[in-house]
């Protein structure tokens, strides 16, 4: 269970599914479709959906590349967190957004697996959150020219290590889109 006091709620976190980020992403359409299913499910279950949007020299605020993909539409009341670093918590108001909604468990989706998704997973668990990665709802581009493994291997490895990740008083793990839910994390058996 989360180490954060009075934080019984769960949020779906959608990281950087922007046109310029996922244009060449591995299995882009399937991943975006899975995220859309999760957004609808989270809303139906009364969970918060928190959107994260990256800003950089390549993703300039207001440009087409910076915009979210058209398949994913943020509701007016859903928070949109602007970020400049890989970890969605770093120099943003994400912690305040989550605290204000009593959220202690995150269900994470988005892009890029090997940068912003991983950084946010680790940033969340070190800050006391329970963190579940949706294994078929995150993606990355092909960075083999920089020495990285192919995208499918990056995704598989991230799923593998997060499935078995642990921290005192917090839970980590993975789930598929089909099995994702937005209630509080199960309490471990004593």
Protein backbone atom coordinates (compact mmCIF):
# COMPACT_ATOMS: atom_id res chain seq x y z
CA UNK A 1 0.00 0.00 0.00
CA UNK A 2 1.09 3.55 -0.59
CA UNK A 3 3.12 5.21 2.12
CA UNK A 4 1.17 8.44 1.54
CA UNK A 5 -1.35 9.30 4.28
CA UNK A 6 -5.03 9.66 3.36
CA UNK A 7 -4.51 8.89 -0.31
CA UNK A 8 -7.02 6.09 -1.09
CA UNK A 9 -7.72 7.02 -4.72
CA UNK A 10 -6.25 5.89 -8.04
CA UNK A 11 -5.40 7.93 -11.13
CA UNK A 12 -4.65 7.00 -14.70
CA UNK A 13 -1.57 8.94 -15.80
CA UNK A 14 -1.21 9.49 -19.55
CA UNK A 15 2.35 10.59 -20.36
CA UNK A 16 3.32 12.52 -23.51
CA UNK A 17 1.05 10.89 -26.11
CA UNK A 18 1.76 13.88 -28.31
CA UNK A 19 1.87 13.90 -32.09
CA UNK A 20 5.60 14.63 -32.21
CA UNK A 21 6.40 11.97 -29.61
CA UNK A 22 4.47 8.99 -30.98
CA UNK A 23 4.56 9.68 -34.73
CA UNK A 24 7.10 6.90 -35.27
CA UNK A 25 6.40 4.88 -32.14
CA UNK A 26 6.30 1.09 -32.02
CA UNK A 27 2.72 -0.19 -32.48
CA UNK A 28 1.48 3.39 -32.14
CA UNK A 29 -2.14 2.76 -33.15
CA UNK A 30 -2.61 -0.26 -30.85
CA UNK A 31 -1.04 1.54 -27.88
CA UNK A 32 -3.13 4.69 -28.42
CA UNK A 33 -6.27 2.55 -28.74
CA UNK A 34 -5.43 0.79 -25.45
CA UNK A 35 -4.90 4.13 -23.73
CA UNK A 36 -8.28 5.31 -25.04
CA UNK A 37 -9.91 2.21 -23.52
CA UNK A 38 -8.19 2.95 -20.20
CA UNK A 39 -9.28 6.60 -20.25
CA UNK A 40 -12.89 5.54 -20.79
CA UNK A 41 -12.66 2.89 -18.06
CA UNK A 42 -11.06 5.26 -15.55
CA UNK A 43 -13.77 7.84 -16.17
CA UNK A 44 -16.51 5.20 -15.87
CA UNK A 45 -15.03 3.99 -12.56
CA UNK A 46 -14.78 7.54 -11.21
CA UNK A 47 -10.99 7.66 -11.20
CA UNK A 48 -9.01 10.75 -12.10
CA UNK A 49 -7.30 10.94 -15.48
CA UNK A 50 -4.16 13.05 -15.33
CA UNK A 51 -2.55 14.15 -18.59
CA UNK A 52 1.14 14.99 -18.85
CA UNK A 53 2.55 17.02 -21.74
CA UNK A 54 6.23 17.49 -22.53
CA UNK A 55 7.76 20.80 -23.60
CA UNK A 56 11.14 21.05 -25.36
CA UNK A 57 12.86 22.61 -28.35
CA UNK A 58 11.21 19.89 -30.50
CA UNK A 59 7.85 20.11 -28.70
CA UNK A 60 7.11 23.80 -28.55
CA UNK A 61 3.92 24.80 -26.77
CA UNK A 62 1.08 25.42 -29.20
CA UNK A 63 2.63 23.59 -32.16
CA UNK A 64 1.11 20.58 -33.91
CA UNK A 65 3.92 18.28 -32.72
CA UNK A 66 3.28 19.39 -29.11
CA UNK A 67 -0.46 18.58 -29.32
CA UNK A 68 -1.94 15.36 -28.02
CA UNK A 69 -2.93 12.79 -30.64
CA UNK A 70 -6.50 13.33 -31.88
CA UNK A 71 -7.66 9.90 -30.65
CA UNK A 72 -7.20 11.02 -27.03
CA UNK A 73 -9.31 13.94 -25.85
CA UNK A 74 -8.87 15.41 -22.39
CA UNK A 75 -12.04 16.38 -20.56
CA UNK A 76 -12.09 20.02 -19.44
CA UNK A 77 -12.01 19.10 -15.74
CA UNK A 78 -9.07 16.70 -16.10
CA UNK A 79 -5.69 18.09 -15.03
CA UNK A 80 -2.99 18.76 -17.60
CA UNK A 81 0.54 18.83 -16.20
CA UNK A 82 3.21 20.57 -18.25
CA UNK A 83 6.76 19.23 -17.90
CA UNK A 84 10.28 19.89 -19.15
CA UNK A 85 12.05 16.82 -17.72
CA UNK A 86 11.62 13.07 -18.13
CA UNK A 87 10.20 12.50 -14.64
CA UNK A 88 6.65 13.88 -14.66
CA UNK A 89 7.12 15.00 -11.04
CA UNK A 90 10.31 17.00 -11.61
CA UNK A 91 9.64 20.77 -11.48
CA UNK A 92 5.89 20.30 -12.11
CA UNK A 93 2.67 20.53 -10.13
CA UNK A 94 1.92 16.80 -10.48
CA UNK A 95 2.38 16.09 -6.76
CA UNK A 96 0.00 18.92 -5.83
CA UNK A 97 -2.57 17.70 -8.38
CA UNK A 98 -2.46 14.16 -6.99
CA UNK A 99 -2.44 15.23 -3.34
CA UNK A 100 -5.43 17.48 -3.92
CA UNK A 101 -7.41 14.49 -5.21
CA UNK A 102 -6.26 12.07 -2.49
CA UNK A 103 -4.43 9.89 -5.01
CA UNK A 104 -1.90 7.36 -3.75
CA UNK A 105 -1.96 4.83 -6.58
CA UNK A 106 -0.99 5.50 -10.19
CA UNK A 107 -1.76 3.48 -13.31
CA UNK A 108 0.83 4.61 -15.87
CA UNK A 109 0.63 4.72 -19.67
CA UNK A 110 2.25 6.70 -22.46
CA UNK A 111 5.55 7.43 -24.17
CA UNK A 112 8.51 7.11 -24.38
CA UNK A 113 9.01 3.84 -22.51
CA UNK A 114 12.75 4.25 -22.11
CA UNK A 115 12.71 7.87 -20.99
CA UNK A 116 9.62 9.60 -19.59
CA UNK A 117 7.66 6.47 -18.67
CA UNK A 118 10.57 4.87 -16.78
CA UNK A 119 11.56 8.13 -15.11
CA UNK A 120 8.00 8.72 -13.94
CA UNK A 121 7.63 5.14 -12.64
CA UNK A 122 10.73 5.56 -10.51
CA UNK A 123 9.87 9.13 -9.54
CA UNK A 124 6.45 7.99 -8.31
CA UNK A 125 7.55 5.00 -6.28
CA UNK A 126 10.36 6.94 -4.60
CA UNK A 127 7.78 9.58 -3.62
CA UNK A 128 5.61 6.94 -1.91
CA UNK A 129 3.07 6.02 -4.58
CA UNK A 130 1.89 2.56 -5.56
CA UNK A 131 2.61 2.36 -9.30
CA UNK A 132 1.17 -0.02 -11.89
CA UNK A 133 2.45 0.03 -15.47
CA UNK A 134 -0.01 -1.01 -18.18
CA UNK A 135 2.23 -3.29 -20.19
CA UNK A 136 0.42 -2.92 -23.53
CA UNK A 137 -0.24 0.83 -23.19
CA UNK A 138 3.24 2.36 -23.45
CA UNK A 139 5.59 2.70 -26.38
CA UNK A 140 8.81 4.15 -27.73
CA UNK A 141 10.44 4.91 -31.04
CA UNK A 142 13.27 2.94 -32.64
CA UNK A 143 16.53 4.21 -31.15
CA UNK A 144 18.74 1.36 -32.35
CA UNK A 145 20.89 3.86 -34.28
CA UNK A 146 21.92 5.20 -30.84
CA UNK A 147 22.77 1.72 -29.55
CA UNK A 148 19.43 0.96 -27.88
CA UNK A 149 17.69 -2.39 -28.28
CA UNK A 150 14.75 -2.51 -30.71
CA UNK A 151 11.56 -0.92 -29.33
CA UNK A 152 9.77 -4.22 -28.68
CA UNK A 153 12.71 -5.34 -26.52
CA UNK A 154 12.80 -2.02 -24.63
CA UNK A 155 9.08 -2.39 -23.87
CA UNK A 156 9.41 -6.06 -22.89
CA UNK A 157 12.36 -5.36 -20.61
CA UNK A 158 10.58 -2.46 -18.91
CA UNK A 159 7.53 -4.66 -18.34
CA UNK A 160 9.75 -7.42 -16.93
CA UNK A 161 11.62 -5.31 -14.42
CA UNK A 162 8.57 -3.30 -13.30
CA UNK A 163 6.53 -6.50 -12.83
CA UNK A 164 8.99 -7.55 -10.12
CA UNK A 165 9.91 -4.13 -8.72
CA UNK A 166 9.45 -3.61 -4.99
CA UNK A 167 9.86 -0.90 -2.38
CA UNK A 168 9.07 -0.82 1.35
CA UNK A 169 5.40 -0.09 1.95
CA UNK A 170 4.63 0.41 -1.74
CA UNK A 171 3.50 -1.82 -4.57
CA UNK A 172 4.67 -1.92 -8.15
CA UNK A 173 3.70 -4.24 -10.96
CA UNK A 174 2.18 -4.54 -14.38
CA UNK A 175 -1.24 -5.27 -15.76
CA UNK A 176 -2.70 -5.52 -19.25
CA UNK A 177 -5.29 -3.10 -20.58
CA UNK A 178 -7.90 -5.86 -20.32
CA UNK A 179 -7.17 -6.39 -16.61
CA UNK A 180 -6.57 -2.80 -15.47
CA UNK A 181 -8.82 -1.40 -12.76
CA UNK A 182 -8.90 1.85 -10.87
CA UNK A 183 -9.79 0.94 -7.31
CA UNK A 184 -7.28 1.13 -4.46
CA UNK A 185 -4.40 -1.34 -4.48
CA UNK A 186 -5.00 -4.63 -2.74
CA UNK A 187 -3.53 -4.83 0.75
CA UNK A 188 -0.85 -7.51 0.92
CA UNK A 189 -1.55 -10.49 3.17
CA UNK A 190 0.23 -10.27 6.52
